[in-house]
Protein backbone atom coordinates (compact mmCIF):
# COMPACT_ATOMS: atom_id res chain seq x y z
CA UNK A 1 -5.05 -13.53 28.21
CA UNK A 2 -1.59 -12.22 29.02
CA UNK A 3 -0.24 -13.30 32.38
CA UNK A 4 2.15 -11.26 34.52
CA UNK A 5 3.58 -14.50 35.92
CA UNK A 6 4.45 -17.98 34.67
CA UNK A 7 1.89 -20.15 32.89
CA UNK A 8 -1.07 -21.41 34.90
CA UNK A 9 -0.73 -25.00 36.10
CA UNK A 10 -4.51 -25.43 36.20
CA UNK A 11 -6.85 -23.84 33.69
CA UNK A 12 -10.30 -22.92 35.00
CA UNK A 13 -13.20 -24.76 33.37
CA UNK A 14 -14.65 -21.68 31.66
CA UNK A 15 -11.25 -20.67 30.29
CA UNK A 16 -10.63 -24.23 29.06
CA UNK A 17 -13.94 -24.16 27.18
CA UNK A 18 -12.91 -20.95 25.41
CA UNK A 19 -9.46 -22.34 24.62
CA UNK A 20 -11.04 -25.48 23.16
CA UNK A 21 -13.31 -23.30 20.97
CA UNK A 22 -10.27 -21.42 19.69
CA UNK A 23 -11.53 -18.19 21.27
CA UNK A 24 -8.85 -17.75 23.92
CA UNK A 25 -5.09 -17.91 23.98
CA UNK A 26 -3.08 -17.60 27.18
CA UNK A 27 0.43 -16.17 26.82
CA UNK A 28 3.20 -15.14 29.19
CA UNK A 29 6.74 -13.86 28.77
CA UNK A 30 7.80 -15.69 31.96
CA UNK A 31 9.18 -19.07 32.93
CA UNK A 32 6.83 -21.28 34.97
CA UNK A 33 8.76 -20.73 38.20
CA UNK A 34 7.60 -17.07 38.32
CA UNK A 35 4.51 -17.50 40.49
CA UNK A 36 3.70 -14.03 41.87
CA UNK A 37 2.52 -10.92 40.08
CA UNK A 38 4.52 -7.82 40.98
CA UNK A 39 4.74 -4.31 39.57
CA UNK A 40 7.86 -5.44 37.71
CA UNK A 41 6.25 -8.54 36.17
CA UNK A 42 3.20 -6.49 35.22
CA UNK A 43 5.41 -3.98 33.44
CA UNK A 44 7.29 -6.76 31.64
CA UNK A 45 3.97 -8.31 30.57
CA UNK A 46 2.69 -4.93 29.35
CA UNK A 47 5.86 -4.29 27.33
CA UNK A 48 5.57 -7.83 25.90
CA UNK A 49 2.02 -7.18 24.74
CA UNK A 50 2.90 -3.77 23.29
CA UNK A 51 5.72 -5.39 21.32
CA UNK A 52 3.30 -7.99 19.91
CA UNK A 53 0.62 -5.47 18.97
CA UNK A 54 0.26 -3.51 15.74
CA UNK A 55 -1.86 -0.90 17.54
CA UNK A 56 -2.37 -0.21 21.25
CA UNK A 57 -5.52 1.13 22.92
CA UNK A 58 -5.30 2.11 26.58
CA UNK A 59 -8.54 2.49 28.53
CA UNK A 60 -7.13 4.76 31.21
CA UNK A 61 -3.79 6.54 31.40
CA UNK A 62 -2.75 8.38 34.54
CA UNK A 63 -0.11 11.03 33.94
CA UNK A 64 2.39 9.32 36.27
CA UNK A 65 1.27 5.73 35.70
CA UNK A 66 3.03 2.77 34.12
CA UNK A 67 1.04 2.76 30.84
CA UNK A 68 1.93 6.40 30.24
CA UNK A 69 5.58 5.82 31.06
CA UNK A 70 6.03 2.75 28.88
CA UNK A 71 4.11 4.11 25.88
CA UNK A 72 5.35 7.69 26.01
CA UNK A 73 8.32 7.15 23.70
CA UNK A 74 6.87 4.56 21.32
CA UNK A 75 6.95 5.98 17.81
CA UNK A 76 6.47 2.91 15.59
CA UNK A 77 2.93 2.03 16.74
CA UNK A 78 -0.41 3.75 16.92
CA UNK A 79 -1.17 4.43 20.60
CA UNK A 80 -4.75 5.43 21.45
CA UNK A 81 -5.39 6.75 24.95
CA UNK A 82 -9.14 6.58 25.52
CA UNK A 83 -9.18 8.42 28.83
CA UNK A 84 -6.47 10.19 30.75
CA UNK A 85 -6.36 12.22 33.93
CA UNK A 86 -4.58 15.15 32.31
CA UNK A 87 -6.18 18.49 33.07
């Protein structure tokens, strides 16, 4: 789970169970004092995840949306766009 804010201070019971099983990892590129998700923090989180990934699959890409904009010039990774609103 990649957060677009600082790390959670309380982990929900179901998430904690998955963490304890080794099935979930929560990551964030932000300091804990960043408490609100904004368009800017979402973009930073998305860029962070793209940088970590070997390959990227996007479920929906709008032609003027953030995923399109931030992946448009990436040349060193495989980018798969499953659905887009291009006509």
